Each structure stands twice: as C-alpha cells, then as structure tokens.
N, C-alpha and C. Protein backbone atom coordinates (compact mmCIF):
# COMPACT_ATOMS: atom_id res chain seq x y z
N UNK A 1 57.03 -16.46 -50.30
CA UNK A 1 56.58 -17.17 -49.15
C UNK A 1 56.42 -16.40 -47.80
N UNK A 2 56.50 -15.24 -48.36
CA UNK A 2 55.48 -13.91 -47.14
C UNK A 2 54.08 -13.77 -47.45
N UNK A 3 54.25 -13.98 -48.88
CA UNK A 3 52.25 -14.01 -49.23
C UNK A 3 51.74 -15.21 -48.79
N UNK A 4 52.44 -16.36 -48.71
CA UNK A 4 51.69 -17.38 -47.84
C UNK A 4 51.59 -16.75 -46.50
N UNK A 5 52.23 -17.09 -45.64
CA UNK A 5 52.94 -17.50 -44.31
C UNK A 5 51.33 -16.26 -43.84
N UNK A 6 51.53 -15.39 -45.06
CA UNK A 6 50.16 -13.87 -44.71
C UNK A 6 48.63 -14.42 -44.42
N UNK A 7 48.79 -15.49 -45.20
CA UNK A 7 47.48 -15.96 -45.82
C UNK A 7 46.84 -16.88 -45.00
N UNK A 8 47.49 -17.50 -43.75
CA UNK A 8 47.58 -18.29 -42.88
C UNK A 8 46.61 -17.62 -41.63
N UNK A 9 47.15 -16.22 -41.80
CA UNK A 9 47.48 -15.77 -40.45
C UNK A 9 45.71 -14.92 -40.36
N UNK A 10 45.91 -14.46 -41.00
CA UNK A 10 44.66 -14.02 -41.53
C UNK A 10 43.28 -14.33 -40.96
N UNK A 11 42.91 -15.28 -40.39
CA UNK A 11 41.68 -15.95 -40.09
C UNK A 11 42.12 -16.62 -38.65
N UNK A 12 43.25 -16.08 -38.00
CA UNK A 12 43.45 -16.91 -36.75
C UNK A 12 43.29 -15.49 -35.46
N UNK A 13 42.01 -15.91 -34.61
CA UNK A 13 41.97 -15.07 -33.49
C UNK A 13 42.53 -15.59 -32.07
N UNK A 14 44.10 -14.68 -31.07
CA UNK A 14 43.74 -15.52 -30.34
C UNK A 14 42.81 -16.09 -28.91
N UNK A 15 43.70 -16.23 -28.29
CA UNK A 15 42.74 -17.28 -27.34
C UNK A 15 42.33 -16.05 -26.44
N UNK A 16 43.30 -15.30 -25.79
CA UNK A 16 43.01 -13.97 -25.15
C UNK A 16 41.62 -13.44 -25.72
N UNK A 17 41.73 -13.12 -27.35
CA UNK A 17 40.51 -12.19 -27.33
C UNK A 17 39.49 -12.76 -27.15
N UNK A 18 39.39 -13.83 -27.33
CA UNK A 18 37.14 -14.84 -27.46
C UNK A 18 37.81 -14.92 -25.53
N UNK A 19 38.66 -14.58 -24.66
CA UNK A 19 38.51 -15.10 -23.44
C UNK A 19 37.84 -13.70 -23.12
N UNK A 20 38.00 -13.02 -23.42
CA UNK A 20 38.05 -11.45 -23.22
C UNK A 20 36.15 -11.30 -23.95
N UNK A 21 36.28 -11.87 -25.29
CA UNK A 21 34.57 -11.48 -25.55
C UNK A 21 33.81 -12.24 -24.57
N UNK A 22 34.22 -13.74 -24.01
CA UNK A 22 33.03 -14.14 -23.26
C UNK A 22 33.21 -13.25 -22.20
N UNK A 23 34.21 -12.49 -21.20
CA UNK A 23 33.65 -12.12 -20.58
C UNK A 23 32.77 -11.45 -19.69
N UNK A 24 33.14 -10.62 -21.42
CA UNK A 24 32.33 -9.35 -21.57
C UNK A 24 31.18 -9.23 -20.91
N UNK A 25 30.94 -10.70 -22.46
CA UNK A 25 29.56 -10.52 -22.76
C UNK A 25 28.72 -11.03 -21.49
N UNK A 26 29.33 -11.85 -20.25
CA UNK A 26 28.66 -12.40 -19.38
C UNK A 26 28.38 -10.93 -18.43
N UNK A 27 29.44 -10.35 -18.41
CA UNK A 27 29.08 -9.41 -17.46
C UNK A 27 28.47 -8.58 -17.93
N UNK A 28 27.91 -8.33 -19.28
CA UNK A 28 26.50 -7.54 -19.96
C UNK A 28 25.01 -8.03 -19.21
N UNK A 29 25.46 -9.66 -19.39
CA UNK A 29 24.25 -10.52 -19.25
C UNK A 29 23.85 -10.14 -17.41
N UNK A 30 25.10 -10.56 -16.50
CA UNK A 30 24.98 -10.12 -15.79
C UNK A 30 24.09 -8.28 -14.78
N UNK A 31 25.31 -7.36 -15.59
CA UNK A 31 23.99 -5.92 -15.62
C UNK A 31 23.22 -5.93 -15.82
N UNK A 32 22.49 -6.84 -17.07
CA UNK A 32 20.89 -6.78 -17.83
C UNK A 32 19.75 -6.67 -16.06
N UNK A 33 20.00 -8.48 -15.75
CA UNK A 33 19.71 -9.11 -14.61
C UNK A 33 19.49 -8.01 -13.68
N UNK A 34 20.47 -7.91 -13.32
CA UNK A 34 20.63 -6.58 -12.14
C UNK A 34 19.54 -6.02 -12.68
N UNK A 35 19.78 -4.57 -14.09
CA UNK A 35 19.13 -4.06 -14.50
C UNK A 35 17.33 -3.73 -14.36
N UNK A 36 17.21 -5.15 -14.21
CA UNK A 36 15.82 -5.89 -14.61
C UNK A 36 15.24 -5.91 -13.50
N UNK A 37 16.27 -6.57 -12.41
CA UNK A 37 15.26 -6.93 -10.64
C UNK A 37 15.23 -5.68 -10.71
N UNK A 38 16.57 -4.37 -10.93
CA UNK A 38 15.53 -2.76 -10.32
C UNK A 38 14.69 -2.91 -10.92
N UNK A 39 14.49 -2.56 -11.72
CA UNK A 39 13.22 -2.01 -12.84
C UNK A 39 12.14 -2.89 -11.53
N UNK A 40 11.33 -3.38 -11.42
CA UNK A 40 10.43 -4.41 -11.05
C UNK A 40 10.28 -4.22 -9.07
N UNK A 41 11.79 -3.75 -8.15
CA UNK A 41 11.62 -3.29 -7.49
C UNK A 41 11.44 -2.65 -7.08
N UNK A 42 11.49 -1.37 -8.43
CA UNK A 42 11.09 0.30 -7.88
C UNK A 42 9.41 0.20 -8.11
N UNK A 43 9.22 -0.74 -9.50
CA UNK A 43 7.53 -1.05 -9.47
C UNK A 43 7.19 -1.37 -8.08
N UNK A 44 7.36 -2.44 -7.32
CA UNK A 44 6.93 -2.55 -6.71
C UNK A 44 6.17 -1.52 -5.43
N UNK A 45 7.66 -0.98 -5.44
CA UNK A 45 7.94 -0.09 -4.15
C UNK A 45 7.17 1.53 -5.05
N UNK A 46 7.42 1.55 -5.60
CA UNK A 46 6.22 2.16 -6.17
C UNK A 46 4.79 1.99 -6.14
N UNK A 47 4.27 0.81 -6.62
CA UNK A 47 3.06 0.02 -5.84
C UNK A 47 2.53 -0.15 -4.24
N UNK A 48 3.44 -0.04 -3.65
CA UNK A 48 3.55 0.22 -2.02
C UNK A 48 3.10 1.71 -1.75
N UNK A 49 4.27 2.80 -2.03
CA UNK A 49 3.72 3.47 -2.37
C UNK A 49 2.34 4.32 -2.25
N UNK A 50 2.03 4.26 -3.20
CA UNK A 50 0.59 4.28 -4.24
C UNK A 50 -0.67 3.81 -3.29
N UNK A 51 -0.36 2.60 -1.95
CA UNK A 51 -1.45 2.23 -1.62
C UNK A 51 -1.43 3.00 -0.41
N UNK A 52 -0.18 3.50 0.02
CA UNK A 52 0.28 4.48 1.56
C UNK A 52 -0.35 5.12 1.62
N UNK A 53 -0.13 5.92 0.10
CA UNK A 53 -0.53 7.23 -0.16
C UNK A 53 -2.30 7.70 -0.50
N UNK A 54 -2.74 6.74 -0.55
CA UNK A 54 -4.10 6.19 -0.93
C UNK A 54 -4.53 6.60 0.60
N UNK A 55 -3.75 6.20 1.84
CA UNK A 55 -4.05 6.24 3.46
C UNK A 55 -3.45 7.45 4.23
N UNK A 56 -3.62 8.42 3.06
CA UNK A 56 -2.61 9.77 3.90
C UNK A 56 -3.84 10.48 3.24
N UNK A 57 -3.75 10.27 2.17
CA UNK A 57 -5.18 10.94 1.36
C UNK A 57 -6.95 10.63 2.48
N UNK A 58 -7.25 9.56 2.26
CA UNK A 58 -8.03 9.38 3.40
C UNK A 58 -7.96 9.72 5.23
N UNK A 59 -6.84 10.03 5.60
CA UNK A 59 -6.98 10.38 6.77
C UNK A 59 -6.90 12.08 6.81
N UNK A 60 -7.01 12.63 6.01
CA UNK A 60 -6.79 13.96 5.73
C UNK A 60 -7.67 14.75 5.49
N UNK A 61 -8.62 13.23 4.45
CA UNK A 61 -10.23 13.37 4.20
C UNK A 61 -10.72 13.93 5.15
N UNK A 62 -10.58 13.09 6.43
CA UNK A 62 -11.43 11.80 7.61
C UNK A 62 -11.38 12.10 8.99
N UNK A 63 -10.07 11.91 8.89
CA UNK A 63 -9.63 12.34 10.14
C UNK A 63 -9.30 13.44 10.63
N UNK A 64 -8.86 13.90 10.25
CA UNK A 64 -8.10 15.78 10.67
C UNK A 64 -9.38 16.35 11.09
N UNK A 65 -10.16 16.44 9.97
CA UNK A 65 -11.47 17.31 9.42
C UNK A 65 -12.96 16.19 10.48
N UNK A 66 -12.65 15.16 11.67
CA UNK A 66 -14.11 14.67 11.45
C UNK A 66 -15.06 14.88 11.22
N UNK A 67 -16.45 14.54 10.80
CA UNK A 67 -17.60 14.99 10.33
C UNK A 67 -18.33 13.67 11.12
N UNK A 68 -18.72 14.25 12.30
CA UNK A 68 -19.26 13.68 13.34
C UNK A 68 -20.55 12.96 13.05
N UNK A 69 -21.73 13.88 11.60
CA UNK A 69 -23.00 14.53 12.15
C UNK A 69 -22.85 13.26 11.12
N UNK A 70 -21.78 12.02 10.58
CA UNK A 70 -22.21 11.28 9.61
C UNK A 70 -21.68 9.98 10.32
N UNK A 71 -22.12 10.13 11.65
CA UNK A 71 -21.74 8.41 12.20
C UNK A 71 -23.73 8.28 12.55
N UNK A 72 -23.14 6.82 12.82
CA UNK A 72 -24.50 6.31 13.20
C UNK A 72 -24.29 5.24 14.20
N UNK A 73 -25.64 5.42 15.19
CA UNK A 73 -25.19 4.45 16.30
C UNK A 73 -25.19 3.43 15.78
N UNK A 74 -23.87 2.77 16.79
CA UNK A 74 -23.49 1.36 16.38
C UNK A 74 -24.48 -0.15 16.00
N UNK A 75 -24.77 -0.56 15.65
CA UNK A 75 -25.67 -2.42 15.28
C UNK A 75 -25.38 -3.39 15.76
N UNK A 76 -23.28 -2.67 16.32
CA UNK A 76 -22.85 -3.74 16.51
C UNK A 76 -22.07 -4.02 17.74
N UNK A 77 -22.18 -4.74 18.54
CA UNK A 77 -21.36 -4.79 19.77
C UNK A 77 -20.25 -5.15 20.34
N UNK A 78 -19.43 -5.26 18.88
CA UNK A 78 -17.45 -5.58 18.93
C UNK A 78 -17.68 -5.10 17.52
N UNK A 79 -16.67 -5.48 16.59
CA UNK A 79 -16.28 -5.34 15.67
C UNK A 79 -17.16 -4.93 14.80
N UNK A 80 -17.88 -3.79 12.98
CA UNK A 80 -18.28 -4.00 12.48
C UNK A 80 -18.03 -4.60 10.87
N UNK A 81 -18.38 -5.64 10.46
CA UNK A 81 -18.17 -5.59 9.17
C UNK A 81 -18.12 -4.51 8.38
N UNK A 82 -17.87 -4.54 7.29
CA UNK A 82 -17.72 -2.44 6.54
C UNK A 82 -17.97 -3.66 4.87
N UNK A 83 -19.39 -3.09 4.21
CA UNK A 83 -19.50 -3.93 2.60
C UNK A 83 -19.14 -3.38 2.42
N UNK A 84 -18.92 -4.35 1.03
CA UNK A 84 -18.45 -3.78 0.16
C UNK A 84 -19.47 -3.50 -1.02
N UNK A 85 -20.91 -4.38 -0.79
CA UNK A 85 -21.96 -4.06 -1.66
C UNK A 85 -22.45 -2.46 -1.99
N UNK A 86 -22.12 -1.63 -0.68
CA UNK A 86 -22.67 -0.34 -1.36
C UNK A 86 -21.52 0.28 -0.84
N UNK A 87 -21.68 1.48 -2.29
CA UNK A 87 -21.20 2.41 -2.12
C UNK A 87 -21.11 3.78 -1.52
N UNK A 88 -22.16 3.58 -0.48
CA UNK A 88 -22.63 5.13 -0.12
C UNK A 88 -21.45 5.07 1.01
N UNK A 89 -20.73 4.20 2.18
CA UNK A 89 -19.60 4.64 2.84
C UNK A 89 -18.20 4.42 2.38
N UNK A 90 -18.77 4.87 0.73
CA UNK A 90 -17.10 4.75 0.38
C UNK A 90 -16.55 5.72 -0.35
N UNK A 91 -15.01 5.56 -0.12
CA UNK A 91 -14.09 6.77 -0.88
C UNK A 91 -13.56 6.43 -1.47
N UNK A 92 -13.53 7.31 -3.24
CA UNK A 92 -12.66 7.20 -3.83
C UNK A 92 -11.48 7.85 -4.49
N UNK A 93 -10.27 7.59 -4.64
CA UNK A 93 -9.04 7.74 -4.61
C UNK A 93 -8.19 7.77 -6.54
N UNK A 94 -8.30 8.10 -7.38
CA UNK A 94 -7.87 8.31 -8.31
C UNK A 94 -8.53 6.65 -8.58
N UNK A 95 -7.77 5.34 -9.01
CA UNK A 95 -8.65 4.01 -8.86
C UNK A 95 -8.61 3.04 -7.57
N UNK A 96 -8.61 3.67 -6.61
CA UNK A 96 -8.72 3.16 -5.25
C UNK A 96 -9.69 3.75 -4.75
N UNK A 97 -10.42 2.87 -4.55
CA UNK A 97 -11.31 2.75 -3.18
C UNK A 97 -11.34 2.44 -1.83
N UNK A 98 -11.46 3.09 -1.15
CA UNK A 98 -11.51 2.38 0.59
C UNK A 98 -13.08 2.41 0.96
N UNK A 99 -13.19 1.82 1.87
CA UNK A 99 -15.13 1.01 2.62
C UNK A 99 -14.46 2.06 4.17
N UNK A 100 -15.37 2.61 4.29
CA UNK A 100 -15.08 3.14 6.29
C UNK A 100 -16.94 3.11 6.52
N UNK A 101 -16.78 3.35 7.26
CA UNK A 101 -18.00 3.18 8.55
C UNK A 101 -18.10 4.01 9.64
N UNK A 102 -18.50 4.63 10.02
CA UNK A 102 -19.06 6.18 10.91
C UNK A 102 -19.86 5.03 12.48
N UNK A 103 -19.11 5.19 13.06
CA UNK A 103 -20.48 4.54 14.38
C UNK A 103 -20.25 5.28 15.72
N UNK A 104 -21.28 6.04 16.39
CA UNK A 104 -21.09 6.69 17.60
C UNK A 104 -22.07 5.50 18.22
N UNK A 105 -21.33 5.54 19.49
CA UNK A 105 -21.49 4.78 20.99
C UNK A 105 -22.09 5.94 21.74
N UNK A 106 -23.33 6.49 22.90
CA UNK A 106 -23.37 6.50 23.36
C UNK A 106 -23.41 5.47 24.62
N UNK A 107 -22.84 6.39 26.51
CA UNK A 107 -22.30 5.96 27.18
C UNK A 107 -23.65 6.16 28.51
N UNK A 108 -23.26 5.29 29.54
CA UNK A 108 -24.67 5.59 30.41
C UNK A 108 -24.55 6.86 30.87
N UNK A 109 -25.62 7.91 31.47
CA UNK A 109 -25.43 8.91 32.27
C UNK A 109 -25.03 8.29 33.16
N UNK A 110 -24.18 9.71 33.69
CA UNK A 110 -23.12 9.48 35.21
C UNK A 110 -24.72 10.76 36.24
N UNK A 111 -23.33 10.75 37.43
CA UNK A 111 -24.24 10.76 38.30
C UNK A 111 -24.51 12.69 38.00
N UNK A 112 -24.15 13.02 36.98
CA UNK A 112 -24.40 15.12 36.20
C UNK A 112 -25.91 14.99 35.73
N UNK A 113 -26.40 13.15 35.07
CA UNK A 113 -27.25 13.21 34.29
C UNK A 113 -26.14 13.62 32.67
N UNK A 114 -24.48 14.14 31.89
CA UNK A 114 -24.47 13.54 31.07
C UNK A 114 -24.44 12.36 30.49
N UNK A 115 -24.57 12.55 29.40
CA UNK A 115 -24.65 11.33 28.36
C UNK A 115 -22.87 11.42 27.48
N UNK A 116 -21.83 11.15 27.47
CA UNK A 116 -20.36 10.90 26.41
C UNK A 116 -20.53 10.11 25.12
N UNK A 117 -20.75 11.59 23.97
CA UNK A 117 -21.08 10.22 22.51
C UNK A 117 -19.58 9.53 22.80
N UNK A 118 -18.56 8.72 22.17
CA UNK A 118 -17.93 8.16 21.40
C UNK A 118 -18.37 8.00 19.54
N UNK A 119 -16.85 7.99 19.06
CA UNK A 119 -17.21 8.19 17.87
C UNK A 119 -16.18 7.06 17.39
N UNK A 120 -16.53 6.31 16.33
CA UNK A 120 -15.05 5.40 15.11
C UNK A 120 -15.53 5.30 14.41
N UNK A 121 -14.26 5.41 13.72
CA UNK A 121 -14.10 5.31 12.39
C UNK A 121 -13.47 4.34 11.76
N UNK A 122 -14.16 3.65 10.94
CA UNK A 122 -13.38 1.98 10.69
C UNK A 122 -12.99 2.09 8.99
N UNK A 123 -11.82 1.64 8.80
CA UNK A 123 -11.65 1.58 6.53
C UNK A 123 -10.71 0.52 6.10
N UNK A 124 -11.60 0.03 5.22
CA UNK A 124 -10.81 -1.14 4.83
C UNK A 124 -11.01 -1.38 3.18
N UNK A 125 -9.83 -1.16 2.27
CA UNK A 125 -9.39 -1.63 1.12
C UNK A 125 -9.82 -2.81 0.88
N UNK A 126 -9.33 -3.95 2.03
CA UNK A 126 -9.81 -5.84 1.34
C UNK A 126 -10.02 -6.53 1.73
N UNK A 127 -11.24 -6.05 2.49
CA UNK A 127 -11.92 -7.01 4.41
C UNK A 127 -10.74 -7.91 5.09
N UNK A 128 -9.62 -7.12 4.96
CA UNK A 128 -8.72 -8.02 5.52
C UNK A 128 -8.28 -7.30 6.80
N UNK A 129 -8.15 -6.21 6.64
CA UNK A 129 -7.74 -4.89 7.23
C UNK A 129 -8.09 -4.02 7.69
N UNK A 130 -8.11 -3.84 8.82
CA UNK A 130 -8.85 -2.21 8.94
C UNK A 130 -7.89 -1.56 9.81
N UNK A 131 -8.11 -0.38 9.47
CA UNK A 131 -7.80 1.33 9.76
C UNK A 131 -8.66 1.58 11.26
N UNK A 132 -8.51 1.76 12.31
CA UNK A 132 -10.35 2.45 12.96
C UNK A 132 -9.07 3.95 13.71
N UNK A 133 -10.22 4.89 13.77
CA UNK A 133 -9.71 5.60 14.60
C UNK A 133 -11.19 5.77 16.16
N UNK A 134 -11.09 6.37 16.75
CA UNK A 134 -11.65 5.96 18.39
C UNK A 134 -11.34 8.03 18.66
N UNK A 135 -13.11 8.47 19.23
CA UNK A 135 -12.97 9.82 19.67
C UNK A 135 -13.47 10.05 20.74
N UNK A 136 -13.55 10.43 21.74
CA UNK A 136 -14.65 10.59 22.27
C UNK A 136 -15.09 12.38 22.68
N UNK A 137 -16.40 12.70 22.67
CA UNK A 137 -16.74 14.33 22.90
C UNK A 137 -15.39 14.40 21.39
N UNK A 138 -15.29 14.62 21.03
CA UNK A 138 -14.90 15.43 19.67
C UNK A 138 -13.23 15.36 19.26
N UNK A 139 -12.44 14.80 20.76
CA UNK A 139 -11.19 14.40 20.93
C UNK A 139 -10.46 13.42 20.71
N UNK A 140 -9.62 12.77 19.65
CA UNK A 140 -9.41 11.54 18.59
C UNK A 140 -8.14 11.32 20.05
N UNK A 141 -8.50 10.13 20.54
CA UNK A 141 -8.66 9.18 21.90
C UNK A 141 -7.15 8.36 20.83
N UNK A 142 -7.51 7.17 20.60
CA UNK A 142 -6.50 6.67 19.92
C UNK A 142 -7.19 5.88 18.56
N UNK A 143 -5.70 5.30 17.73
CA UNK A 143 -6.43 5.25 16.40
C UNK A 143 -5.53 3.22 16.41
N UNK A 144 -5.17 2.41 15.74
CA UNK A 144 -4.83 1.51 15.30
C UNK A 144 -5.36 0.35 14.16
N UNK A 145 -4.82 -0.64 13.42
CA UNK A 145 -5.08 -1.44 12.49
C UNK A 145 -5.40 -2.90 13.35
N UNK A 146 -6.42 -3.49 12.02
CA UNK A 146 -7.34 -4.38 13.74
C UNK A 146 -7.19 -5.14 11.84
N UNK A 147 -6.10 -6.85 12.09
CA UNK A 147 -6.42 -7.54 11.03
C UNK A 147 -7.30 -8.62 11.00
N UNK A 148 -8.18 -9.42 10.33
CA UNK A 148 -8.89 -10.81 9.76
C UNK A 148 -8.29 -11.49 9.65
N UNK A 149 -8.31 -12.80 10.17
CA UNK A 149 -8.08 -14.04 9.73
C UNK A 149 -9.07 -14.71 9.45
N UNK A 150 -9.09 -16.07 8.57
CA UNK A 150 -10.58 -16.36 8.24
C UNK A 150 -10.14 -18.04 8.78
C-alpha cells in the first residue's frame, strides 16, 4: 500500500510553489521592462549629449577665437535666414552639420569720425533654432538663442 500512495504523490505540486513561480516570473517580467526602459532613456540622453557636444565644439572653433575677416556686410535689416543650399557656410563635426553666417555692421561715424564695427555670428542645425553671438570691436557683448515659429 505504501507503493500505491507514493505513486499518487509523484505528480503533485503544491499551490504555494505554483504561486512562487508565478510571482518570480512576474518580477522577472517587470525587471526586464524596467531594464529596457532604462536602455531607451540612456540612448535618448546620449543623443542629447551628442547634440550639445556639437555646439560646444562649434563654440570652441568659432566663438573663442573669432575670425572677423570671414564676416560679410549684412544684407538683412533684421535676422537673416541661414541657407542650407550652400555648404560654404557650413561646419561639420562627425556626422552633424551646422550652418552659420558671419555678418558685419558699420555704425554711423560719431563726432570723432570713428566708425564702430559690430559683428554677429548665427548658426543652426535645423532652421528652427538659432544660436547667435554679438561682438563690437572684437569684444564679445552678448549671445542668445532664437526660435523660429511658422
């Protein structure tokens, strides 16, 4: 009779073991979801970091040591659009490209017959957001960002 009792208990699994297995699989699934979300978030952070890095590199290349001889007399009264058609005013770093424009402005002479020259450097990657820097007589006066809305 002991042999018969032993055979009937061989396939029996306790309810607490099933509950434990379900709980473990649920925890594992939630862990995997959180892990995937963190990988996605990290990828987005890396993309933002790369976009900011290009601007740091542009700043070092153009603003720290400006080349005012590249500036052309401004053809615009206000803000000039940066053309993507021509790569002559473009700067590339790795796989990113920034369009820029150097402009100069001459002020009217004062009583001493001196003419001040001002410069503006504006740059964009997407024609929607521009970063600009202003100089007067080789001294950086200001910088700022401009967003274009359609």
